[in-house]
C-alpha atoms as a PDB file:
ATOM      1  CA  MET A   1      56.969  84.655-149.604  1.00  0.00           C
ATOM      2  CA  ASP A   2      53.612  81.708-151.281  1.00  0.00           C
ATOM      3  CA  THR A   3      53.355  78.591-149.048  1.00  0.00           C
ATOM      4  CA  VAL A   4      51.864  75.385-150.242  1.00  0.00           C
ATOM      5  CA  GLY A   5      48.780  73.570-148.498  1.00  0.00           C
ATOM      6  CA  ARG A   6      49.577  69.517-147.878  1.00  0.00           C
ATOM      7  CA  ALA A   7      48.574  67.703-151.141  1.00  0.00           C
ATOM      8  CA  ASP A   8      46.267  64.934-151.557  1.00  0.00           C
ATOM      9  CA  VAL A   9      47.660  61.905-152.069  1.00  0.00           C
ATOM     10  CA  SER A  10      44.888  60.208-153.531  1.00  0.00           C
ATOM     11  CA  ARG A  11      45.131  63.182-156.245  1.00  0.00           C
ATOM     12  CA  ASN A  12      49.187  62.586-156.753  1.00  0.00           C
ATOM     13  CA  ARG A  13      48.666  59.295-158.111  1.00  0.00           C
ATOM     14  CA  ILE A  14      48.699  59.180-162.138  1.00  0.00           C
ATOM     15  CA  SER A  15      45.466  57.618-164.302  1.00  0.00           C
ATOM     16  CA  GLN A  16      46.227  54.535-166.077  1.00  0.00           C
ATOM     17  CA  SER A  17      44.230  56.631-168.896  1.00  0.00           C
ATOM     18  CA  GLU A  18      46.717  59.841-169.152  1.00  0.00           C
ATOM     19  CA  PRO A  19      48.403  60.845-171.551  1.00  0.00           C
ATOM     20  CA  GLN A  20      52.574  59.611-170.064  1.00  0.00           C
ATOM     21  CA  ASN A  21      54.287  61.728-172.888  1.00  0.00           C
ATOM     22  CA  ARG A  22      53.110  65.100-173.430  1.00  0.00           C
ATOM     23  CA  PRO A  23      54.731  67.712-175.794  1.00  0.00           C
ATOM     24  CA  PRO A  24      57.532  69.718-174.432  1.00  0.00           C
ATOM     25  CA  GLY A  25      56.052  72.737-171.979  1.00  0.00           C
ATOM     26  CA  ALA A  26      52.505  71.558-172.252  1.00  0.00           C
ATOM     27  CA  ARG A  27      50.472  71.903-169.136  1.00  0.00           C
ATOM     28  CA  ARG A  28      51.026  69.476-166.926  1.00  0.00           C
ATOM     29  CA  ARG A  29      47.284  67.448-165.305  1.00  0.00           C
ATOM     30  CA  ALA A  30      45.544  68.047-162.191  1.00  0.00           C
ATOM     31  CA  GLY A  31      47.058  64.503-161.310  1.00  0.00           C
ATOM     32  CA  ASP A  32      50.767  64.744-161.968  1.00  0.00           C
ATOM     33  CA  GLY A  33      52.934  64.813-159.549  1.00  0.00           C
ATOM     34  CA  THR A  34      56.190  64.148-161.307  1.00  0.00           C
ATOM     35  CA  ARG A  35      58.028  67.483-162.396  1.00  0.00           C
ATOM     36  CA  ARG A  36      59.756  67.187-166.070  1.00  0.00           C
ATOM     37  CA  ALA A  37      63.253  68.867-166.920  1.00  0.00           C
ATOM     38  CA  GLY A  38      62.617  72.208-168.143  1.00  0.00           C
ATOM     39  CA  ASP A  39      59.306  72.652-165.561  1.00  0.00           C
ATOM     40  CA  SER A  40      60.288  75.031-163.337  1.00  0.00           C
ATOM     41  CA  GLY A  41      56.758  75.228-161.837  1.00  0.00           C
ATOM     42  CA  VAL A  42      55.279  77.918-162.827  1.00  0.00           C
ATOM     43  CA  GLY A  43      53.564  77.015-165.453  1.00  0.00           C
ATOM     44  CA  VAL A  44      52.514  80.079-167.482  1.00  0.00           C
ATOM     45  CA  LEU A  45      57.040  80.280-167.990  1.00  0.00           C
ATOM     46  CA  ASP A  46      57.442  77.117-168.659  1.00  0.00           C
ATOM     47  CA  ARG A  47      54.421  77.715-171.236  1.00  0.00           C
ATOM     48  CA  SER A  48      56.049  80.330-172.059  1.00  0.00           C
ATOM     49  CA  MET A  49      59.468  79.345-172.761  1.00  0.00           C
ATOM     50  CA  SER A  50      58.056  75.900-174.879  1.00  0.00           C
ATOM     51  CA  LEU A  51      56.396  78.776-177.424  1.00  0.00           C
ATOM     52  CA  LEU A  52      59.736  80.217-177.369  1.00  0.00           C
ATOM     53  CA  GLN A  53      62.109  77.662-178.160  1.00  0.00           C
ATOM     54  CA  LEU A  54      59.373  76.750-180.965  1.00  0.00           C
ATOM     55  CA  LEU A  55      60.318  79.589-182.612  1.00  0.00           C
ATOM     56  CA  GLY A  56      64.134  79.445-182.319  1.00  0.00           C
ATOM     57  CA  ASP A  57      63.390  76.986-185.661  1.00  0.00           C
ATOM     58  CA  GLY A  58      61.514  79.538-187.782  1.00  0.00           C
ATOM     59  CA  PRO A  59      58.364  81.627-187.989  1.00  0.00           C
ATOM     60  CA  ARG A  60      55.086  79.573-187.109  1.00  0.00           C
ATOM     61  CA  THR A  61      51.417  79.889-187.212  1.00  0.00           C
ATOM     62  CA  LEU A  62      49.262  80.013-184.436  1.00  0.00           C
ATOM     63  CA  ARG A  63      48.015  76.568-185.187  1.00  0.00           C
ATOM     64  CA  SER A  64      51.474  74.694-185.720  1.00  0.00           C
ATOM     65  CA  LEU A  65      52.685  76.464-181.968  1.00  0.00           C
ATOM     66  CA  ALA A  66      49.649  75.200-180.763  1.00  0.00           C
ATOM     67  CA  GLN A  67      49.944  71.867-181.806  1.00  0.00           C
ATOM     68  CA  ALA A  68      53.539  71.387-181.271  1.00  0.00           C
ATOM     69  CA  SER A  69      53.320  72.579-177.731  1.00  0.00           C
ATOM     70  CA  GLY A  70      50.151  70.518-177.109  1.00  0.00           C
ATOM     71  CA  LEU A  71      48.593  74.202-175.399  1.00  0.00           C
ATOM     72  CA  PRO A  72      45.149  75.111-176.344  1.00  0.00           C
ATOM     73  CA  ARG A  73      44.761  77.673-179.444  1.00  0.00           C
ATOM     74  CA  PRO A  74      43.091  80.616-176.720  1.00  0.00           C
ATOM     75  CA  THR A  75      45.797  79.582-174.652  1.00  0.00           C
ATOM     76  CA  ALA A  76      48.847  79.962-176.998  1.00  0.00           C
ATOM     77  CA  HIS A  77      47.560  83.181-178.553  1.00  0.00           C
ATOM     78  CA  ARG A  78      47.023  84.913-175.339  1.00  0.00           C
ATOM     79  CA  LEU A  79      50.315  84.214-174.186  1.00  0.00           C
ATOM     80  CA  LEU A  80      51.748  84.825-177.971  1.00  0.00           C
ATOM     81  CA  VAL A  81      50.114  88.397-177.735  1.00  0.00           C
ATOM     82  CA  ALA A  82      51.472  88.805-174.811  1.00  0.00           C
ATOM     83  CA  LEU A  83      55.076  88.287-175.476  1.00  0.00           C
ATOM     84  CA  GLU A  84      54.457  90.119-178.597  1.00  0.00           C
ATOM     85  CA  VAL A  85      53.932  93.116-176.262  1.00  0.00           C
ATOM     86  CA  HIS A  86      57.337  92.510-174.657  1.00  0.00           C
ATOM     87  CA  GLY A  87      59.228  92.523-177.961  1.00  0.00           C
ATOM     88  CA  LEU A  88      59.823  88.763-177.387  1.00  0.00           C
ATOM     89  CA  VAL A  89      58.245  88.274-179.650  1.00  0.00           C
ATOM     90  CA  GLY A  90      56.936  89.241-183.620  1.00  0.00           C
ATOM     91  CA  ARG A  91      55.001  88.994-186.504  1.00  0.00           C
ATOM     92  CA  THR A  92      56.260  88.225-190.436  1.00  0.00           C
ATOM     93  CA  ALA A  93      54.368  89.781-193.325  1.00  0.00           C
ATOM     94  CA  ASP A  94      52.176  86.925-193.793  1.00  0.00           C
ATOM     95  CA  GLY A  95      50.903  86.620-189.473  1.00  0.00           C
ATOM     96  CA  ALA A  96      52.841  84.200-188.720  1.00  0.00           C
ATOM     97  CA  PHE A  97      54.805  84.376-185.614  1.00  0.00           C
ATOM     98  CA  ARG A  98      58.741  84.654-185.127  1.00  0.00           C
ATOM     99  CA  LEU A  99      61.452  85.818-182.225  1.00  0.00           C
ATOM    100  CA  GLY A 100      60.806  89.363-181.417  1.00  0.00           C
ATOM    101  CA  PRO A 101      63.513  91.582-181.697  1.00  0.00           C
ATOM    102  CA  ARG A 102      63.613  92.365-177.598  1.00  0.00           C
ATOM    103  CA  LEU A 103      66.010  88.586-177.492  1.00  0.00           C
ATOM    104  CA  THR A 104      68.570  89.453-179.988  1.00  0.00           C
ATOM    105  CA  GLU A 105      68.996  93.450-177.626  1.00  0.00           C
ATOM    106  CA  LEU A 106      69.360  91.090-174.687  1.00  0.00           C
ATOM    107  CA  ALA A 107      71.410  88.694-176.010  1.00  0.00           C
ATOM    108  CA  LEU A 108      73.651  91.101-177.106  1.00  0.00           C
ATOM    109  CA  ARG A 109      73.559  92.816-173.309  1.00  0.00           C
ATOM    110  CA  ALA A 110      75.089  88.989-172.447  1.00  0.00           C
ATOM    111  CA  GLY A 111      77.257  88.967-174.630  1.00  0.00           C
ATOM    112  CA  HIS A 112      78.471  92.138-173.972  1.00  0.00           C
ATOM    113  CA  GLY A 113      78.696  91.849-170.149  1.00  0.00           C
ATOM    114  CA  LEU A 114      80.085  88.513-169.981  1.00  0.00           C
ATOM    115  CA  GLU A 115      82.980  89.673-172.965  1.00  0.00           C
ATOM    116  CA  LEU A 116      83.739  93.300-170.977  1.00  0.00           C
ATOM    117  CA  GLY A 117      84.049  91.021-167.572  1.00  0.00           C
ATOM    118  CA  THR A 118      86.283  88.149-169.372  1.00  0.00           C
ATOM    119  CA  LEU A 119      88.130  91.519-170.925  1.00  0.00           C
ATOM    120  CA  ALA A 120      88.743  92.936-167.174  1.00  0.00           C
ATOM    121  CA  ALA A 121      90.504  90.445-165.669  1.00  0.00           C
ATOM    122  CA  GLY A 122      94.087  91.889-166.212  1.00  0.00           C
ATOM    123  CA  VAL A 123      93.238  95.367-165.822  1.00  0.00           C
ATOM    124  CA  LEU A 124      91.646  94.982-162.540  1.00  0.00           C
ATOM    125  CA  THR A 125      94.449  92.848-161.508  1.00  0.00           C
ATOM    126  CA  ARG A 126      97.025  95.330-162.543  1.00  0.00           C
ATOM    127  CA  LEU A 127      94.299  98.347-160.406  1.00  0.00           C
ATOM    128  CA  HIS A 128      94.182  96.348-157.354  1.00  0.00           C
ATOM    129  CA  ASP A 129      98.327  95.503-157.684  1.00  0.00           C
ATOM    130  CA  GLN A 130      98.223  99.226-158.010  1.00  0.00           C
ATOM    131  CA  THR A 131      96.006 100.308-154.971  1.00  0.00           C
ATOM    132  CA  GLY A 132      96.327  97.067-152.350  1.00  0.00           C
ATOM    133  CA  GLU A 133      92.342  97.777-152.629  1.00  0.00           C
ATOM    134  CA  SER A 134      89.190  95.869-153.364  1.00  0.00           C
ATOM    135  CA  VAL A 135      88.246  96.590-157.584  1.00  0.00           C
ATOM    136  CA  GLN A 136      84.828  95.888-159.299  1.00  0.00           C
ATOM    137  CA  LEU A 137      83.824  96.285-163.008  1.00  0.00           C
ATOM    138  CA  TYR A 138      79.864  97.057-162.813  1.00  0.00           C
ATOM    139  CA  LEU A 139      77.255  97.298-165.797  1.00  0.00           C
ATOM    140  CA  ARG A 140      73.919  98.791-165.399  1.00  0.00           C
ATOM    141  CA  SER A 141      70.751  96.126-165.109  1.00  0.00           C
ATOM    142  CA  GLY A 142      67.744  97.424-164.973  1.00  0.00           C
ATOM    143  CA  ASP A 143      67.420  99.846-162.137  1.00  0.00           C
ATOM    144  CA  ARG A 144      70.127  98.665-160.302  1.00  0.00           C
ATOM    145  CA  ARG A 145      74.159  97.950-161.146  1.00  0.00           C
ATOM    146  CA  LEU A 146      75.657  94.500-161.290  1.00  0.00           C
ATOM    147  CA  CYS A 147      78.816  93.724-160.431  1.00  0.00           C
ATOM    148  CA  VAL A 148      80.812  91.702-163.149  1.00  0.00           C
ATOM    149  CA  ALA A 149      84.275  91.589-162.331  1.00  0.00           C
ATOM    150  CA  ALA A 150      86.102  91.682-159.080  1.00  0.00           C
ATOM    151  CA  ARG A 151      89.139  91.257-157.267  1.00  0.00           C
ATOM    152  CA  ASP A 152      89.606  91.616-153.404  1.00  0.00           C
ATOM    153  CA  ALA A 153      92.282  92.762-151.424  1.00  0.00           C
ATOM    154  CA  ASP A 154      94.331  90.463-150.199  1.00  0.00           C
ATOM    155  CA  ALA A 155      94.061  91.143-146.407  1.00  0.00           C
ATOM    156  CA  GLY A 156      93.187  93.365-143.392  1.00  0.00           C
ATOM    157  CA  LEU A 157      89.873  94.910-143.711  1.00  0.00           C
ATOM    158  CA  ARG A 158      88.219  95.274-147.119  1.00  0.00           C
ATOM    159  CA  ASP A 159      84.991  95.872-149.289  1.00  0.00           C
ATOM    160  CA  SER A 160      83.983  92.924-150.330  1.00  0.00           C
ATOM    161  CA  VAL A 161      81.560  92.403-153.574  1.00  0.00           C
ATOM    162  CA  PRO A 162      80.763  89.322-155.334  1.00  0.00           C
ATOM    163  CA  VAL A 163      80.569  88.519-158.690  1.00  0.00           C
ATOM    164  CA  GLY A 164      76.945  88.805-159.466  1.00  0.00           C
ATOM    165  CA  ALA A 165      76.095  90.693-156.937  1.00  0.00           C
ATOM    166  CA  LEU A 166      73.477  93.762-157.541  1.00  0.00           C
ATOM    167  CA  LEU A 167      73.759  97.079-155.451  1.00  0.00           C
ATOM    168  CA  PRO A 168      71.709 100.253-155.821  1.00  0.00           C
ATOM    169  CA  LEU A 169      72.346 102.820-158.972  1.00  0.00           C
ATOM    170  CA  ASP A 170      71.355 106.125-156.070  1.00  0.00           C
ATOM    171  CA  ALA A 171      74.264 104.864-153.584  1.00  0.00           C
ATOM    172  CA  GLY A 172      78.458 104.256-154.162  1.00  0.00           C
ATOM    173  CA  SER A 173      80.647 106.044-156.899  1.00  0.00           C
ATOM    174  CA  GLY A 174      80.008 102.981-158.807  1.00  0.00           C
ATOM    175  CA  GLY A 175      75.984 103.884-159.272  1.00  0.00           C
ATOM    176  CA  LYS A 176      77.000 107.652-159.366  1.00  0.00           C
ATOM    177  CA  VAL A 177      78.807 107.231-162.436  1.00  0.00           C
ATOM    178  CA  LEU A 178      76.620 104.776-164.089  1.00  0.00           C
ATOM    179  CA  LEU A 179      73.592 107.579-163.684  1.00  0.00           C
ATOM    180  CA  ALA A 180      76.194 110.484-164.368  1.00  0.00           C
ATOM    181  CA  TRP A 181      76.071 108.977-168.399  1.00  0.00           C
ATOM    182  CA  SER A 182      72.698 107.713-168.593  1.00  0.00           C
ATOM    183  CA  ASP A 183      70.273 109.549-169.854  1.00  0.00           C
ATOM    184  CA  ASP A 184      67.275 108.702-166.833  1.00  0.00           C
ATOM    185  CA  ALA A 185      68.949 110.113-163.699  1.00  0.00           C
ATOM    186  CA  SER A 186      66.229 112.269-162.808  1.00  0.00           C
ATOM    187  CA  ARG A 187      64.128 108.950-161.720  1.00  0.00           C
ATOM    188  CA  PHE A 188      66.487 108.583-159.032  1.00  0.00           C
ATOM    189  CA  PRO A 189      66.236 112.200-157.023  1.00  0.00           C
ATOM    190  CA  ALA A 190      69.070 110.164-154.062  1.00  0.00           C
ATOM    191  CA  ALA A 191      71.657 110.990-156.398  1.00  0.00           C
ATOM    192  CA  GLY A 192      71.753 115.320-156.669  1.00  0.00           C
ATOM    193  CA  PRO A 193      72.002 116.591-160.745  1.00  0.00           C
ATOM    194  CA  ASP A 194      74.896 118.904-159.508  1.00  0.00           C
ATOM    195  CA  GLU A 195      76.866 115.956-158.095  1.00  0.00           C
ATOM    196  CA  LEU A 196      76.183 114.265-161.247  1.00  0.00           C
ATOM    197  CA  ALA A 197      77.415 116.740-163.188  1.00  0.00           C
ATOM    198  CA  ALA A 198      80.057 116.830-161.426  1.00  0.00           C
ATOM    199  CA  ALA A 199      81.566 113.498-162.234  1.00  0.00           C
ATOM    200  CA  ARG A 200      80.126 114.151-165.803  1.00  0.00           C
ATOM    201  CA  ARG A 201      82.531 117.388-165.567  1.00  0.00           C
ATOM    202  CA  ARG A 202      85.814 116.111-163.439  1.00  0.00           C
ATOM    203  CA  GLY A 203      85.674 112.280-165.009  1.00  0.00           C
ATOM    204  CA  TRP A 204      84.937 110.204-161.989  1.00  0.00           C
ATOM    205  CA  ALA A 205      83.292 110.168-158.643  1.00  0.00           C
ATOM    206  CA  SER A 206      83.855 109.045-155.348  1.00  0.00           C
ATOM    207  CA  SER A 207      81.266 108.619-152.241  1.00  0.00           C
ATOM    208  CA  VAL A 208      81.882 107.794-148.638  1.00  0.00           C
ATOM    209  CA  ALA A 209      79.587 105.724-146.435  1.00  0.00           C
ATOM    210  CA  GLU A 210      77.209 105.636-148.805  1.00  0.00           C
ATOM    211  CA  ARG A 211      76.582 102.616-149.709  1.00  0.00           C
ATOM    212  CA  GLU A 212      77.707 100.255-146.733  1.00  0.00           C
ATOM    213  CA  PRO A 213      78.822 102.550-143.172  1.00  0.00           C
ATOM    214  CA  GLY A 214      83.217 102.913-143.305  1.00  0.00           C
ATOM    215  CA  VAL A 215      83.567 102.463-147.070  1.00  0.00           C
ATOM    216  CA  ALA A 216      84.705 104.785-149.812  1.00  0.00           C
ATOM    217  CA  SER A 217      85.298 104.741-153.263  1.00  0.00           C
ATOM    218  CA  VAL A 218      86.141 105.641-156.473  1.00  0.00           C
ATOM    219  CA  SER A 219      84.740 104.902-160.050  1.00  0.00           C
ATOM    220  CA  ALA A 220      85.182 105.839-163.007  1.00  0.00           C
ATOM    221  CA  PRO A 221      83.321 105.046-166.394  1.00  0.00           C
ATOM    222  CA  VAL A 222      84.440 102.771-169.081  1.00  0.00           C
ATOM    223  CA  LEU A 223      83.600 104.508-172.630  1.00  0.00           C
ATOM    224  CA  ARG A 224      83.859 103.487-176.018  1.00  0.00           C
ATOM    225  CA  ASP A 225      83.133 105.922-178.873  1.00  0.00           C
ATOM    226  CA  GLY A 226      81.461 108.406-175.799  1.00  0.00           C
ATOM    227  CA  ALA A 227      78.449 105.221-175.071  1.00  0.00           C
ATOM    228  CA  LEU A 228      79.127 103.679-171.385  1.00  0.00           C
ATOM    229  CA  LEU A 229      80.032 100.372-171.300  1.00  0.00           C
ATOM    230  CA  GLY A 230      80.821 100.184-167.560  1.00  0.00           C
ATOM    231  CA  ALA A 231      81.998 101.844-164.138  1.00  0.00           C
ATOM    232  CA  LEU A 232      85.487 100.792-163.094  1.00  0.00           C
ATOM    233  CA  CYS A 233      85.699 100.605-159.334  1.00  0.00           C
ATOM    234  CA  VAL A 234      87.597 101.208-156.641  1.00  0.00           C
ATOM    235  CA  SER A 235      86.739 100.514-153.211  1.00  0.00           C
ATOM    236  CA  GLY A 236      88.127 100.121-149.401  1.00  0.00           C
ATOM    237  CA  PRO A 237      87.991 101.195-145.936  1.00  0.00           C
ATOM    238  CA  VAL A 238      87.408 104.973-144.976  1.00  0.00           C
ATOM    239  CA  SER A 239      89.990 104.046-142.609  1.00  0.00           C
ATOM    240  CA  ARG A 240      92.876 103.988-145.675  1.00  0.00           C
ATOM    241  CA  LEU A 241      90.847 105.879-148.500  1.00  0.00           C
ATOM    242  CA  GLY A 242      90.298 108.957-146.467  1.00  0.00           C
ATOM    243  CA  SER A 243      87.268 110.801-146.648  1.00  0.00           C
ATOM    244  CA  SER A 244      88.503 112.678-150.004  1.00  0.00           C
ATOM    245  CA  PRO A 245      89.479 109.270-151.581  1.00  0.00           C
ATOM    246  CA  GLY A 246      89.304 111.113-154.990  1.00  0.00           C
ATOM    247  CA  ARG A 247      92.344 112.537-154.078  1.00  0.00           C
ATOM    248  CA  GLY A 248      94.427 109.936-154.000  1.00  0.00           C
ATOM    249  CA  LEU A 249      92.655 107.010-156.752  1.00  0.00           C
ATOM    250  CA  ALA A 250      91.033 109.425-159.378  1.00  0.00           C
ATOM    251  CA  PRO A 251      94.242 109.262-161.837  1.00  0.00           C
ATOM    252  CA  VAL A 252      95.167 105.590-161.644  1.00  0.00           C
ATOM    253  CA  VAL A 253      90.600 104.444-161.914  1.00  0.00           C
ATOM    254  CA  VAL A 254      90.934 106.931-164.557  1.00  0.00           C
ATOM    255  CA  ALA A 255      93.664 105.611-166.672  1.00  0.00           C
ATOM    256  CA  ALA A 256      92.452 102.162-165.694  1.00  0.00           C
ATOM    257  CA  ALA A 257      88.889 102.762-166.986  1.00  0.00           C
ATOM    258  CA  ARG A 258      90.427 104.004-170.632  1.00  0.00           C
ATOM    259  CA  GLU A 259      92.692 100.798-170.316  1.00  0.00           C
ATOM    260  CA  LEU A 260      89.862  98.944-170.318  1.00  0.00           C
ATOM    261  CA  ALA A 261      88.287 100.809-172.565  1.00  0.00           C
ATOM    262  CA  ALA A 262      90.657 100.674-175.524  1.00  0.00           C
ATOM    263  CA  GLN A 263      90.759  96.801-175.153  1.00  0.00           C
ATOM    264  CA  ALA A 264      86.615  96.772-176.180  1.00  0.00           C
ATOM    265  CA  THR A 265      87.520  99.167-178.934  1.00  0.00           C
ATOM    266  CA  VAL A 266      89.490  96.814-180.541  1.00  0.00           C
ATOM    267  CA  GLY A 267      87.289  94.858-183.239  1.00  0.00           C
ATOM    268  CA  ASP A 268      86.694  91.093-183.546  1.00  0.00           C
ATOM    269  CA  GLY A 269      87.087  90.846-179.114  1.00  0.00           C
ATOM    270  CA  ALA A 270      90.745  91.404-179.551  1.00  0.00           C
ATOM    271  CA  PRO A 271      91.899  92.791-176.705  1.00  0.00           C
ATOM    272  CA  ALA A 272      95.086  96.093-177.368  1.00  0.00           C
ATOM    273  CA  PRO A 273      98.183  95.952-175.834  1.00  0.00           C
ATOM    274  CA  SER A 274      98.166  96.605-172.288  1.00  0.00           C
ATOM    275  CA  ALA A 275      98.785 100.652-171.430  1.00  0.00           C
ATOM    276  CA  THR A 276     100.650 101.591-168.551  1.00  0.00           C
ATOM    277  CA  ALA A 277      98.747 103.311-165.573  1.00  0.00           C
ATOM    278  CA  ALA A 278     100.411 105.353-163.298  1.00  0.00           C
ATOM    279  CA  PRO A 279     101.062 103.558-160.151  1.00  0.00           C
ATOM    280  CA  ARG A 280      99.534 104.906-156.972  1.00  0.00           C
ATOM    281  CA  GLU A 281     101.441 104.376-153.875  1.00  0.00           C
ATOM    282  CA  ARG A 282      99.735 101.945-151.332  1.00  0.00           C
ATOM    283  CA  SER A 283      97.818 103.606-148.617  1.00  0.00           C
ATOM    284  CA  PRO A 284      99.957 103.034-145.448  1.00  0.00           C
ATOM    285  CA  VAL A 285      98.005 101.035-143.016  1.00  0.00           C
ATOM    286  CA  ALA A 286      98.530 101.313-139.240  1.00  0.00           C
ATOM    287  CA  GLY A 287      98.620  97.938-137.398  1.00  0.00           C
ATOM    288  CA  GLU A 288      97.085  94.940-138.377  1.00  0.00           C
ATOM    289  CA  LEU A 289      93.240  95.485-139.634  1.00  0.00           C
ATOM    290  CA  SER A 290      90.703  92.040-138.969  1.00  0.00           C
ATOM    291  CA  ALA A 291      89.310  90.861-142.541  1.00  0.00           C
ATOM    292  CA  LYS A 292      85.510  91.656-142.978  1.00  0.00           C
END
């Protein structure tokens, strides 16, 4: 963890001659100890964001961006070129800078995740009611999986995954499903190719004590026109789900994943009529179990 030494008090005084109204995103001078709105304290990030915000109004020349941001032209150019490498900034035919295509891609992914998580609420509730276990919806986020919707088991020992949690791709049935329908699964040797091929063939994956000791799960892909949207998962203690959780859970999880996919397929974001998933008897619980 980075540490910051004790500041020299004399350097934190603001000079009377220093301009107090710097352009947004301009670098704080050494003597300015006041953090402004939108200032994260990470200078290169703040300056890059100021340039992107300026480009939000339309294409601009380097000179215009440097003037509006208060950055020296060499600094503005260096940041813009770096942003261009990552696709966050592009160029017009006449060489002006504009927002890049990567921003659109990221916005679509974020919107998709939020939309799918909202659509999943009803499906997760019904799946929870049918199984009595915790249910989650995962999307891939880089080399991990992101929980975008969840419903915990009501009582007893349970597997609780909060929305926003990032979990591994190569441990747990949800990660296996996301890898099984990806084109870079070979980068994750812990998930064997034979196991992933079997998951694709049967349409679901299961795991026992992979991500966490004592936890079992079954997941199925949410597919739209053959494209993977996410992984729908039911998880709970091995003591209830058993060493082969797919035997009882796979049919109901697959049905719920197809229901969610049907909702996501309908145009204009309108949910499709809910399909009725085949109910599954709740696993018997022997005695009282303490909550996790």
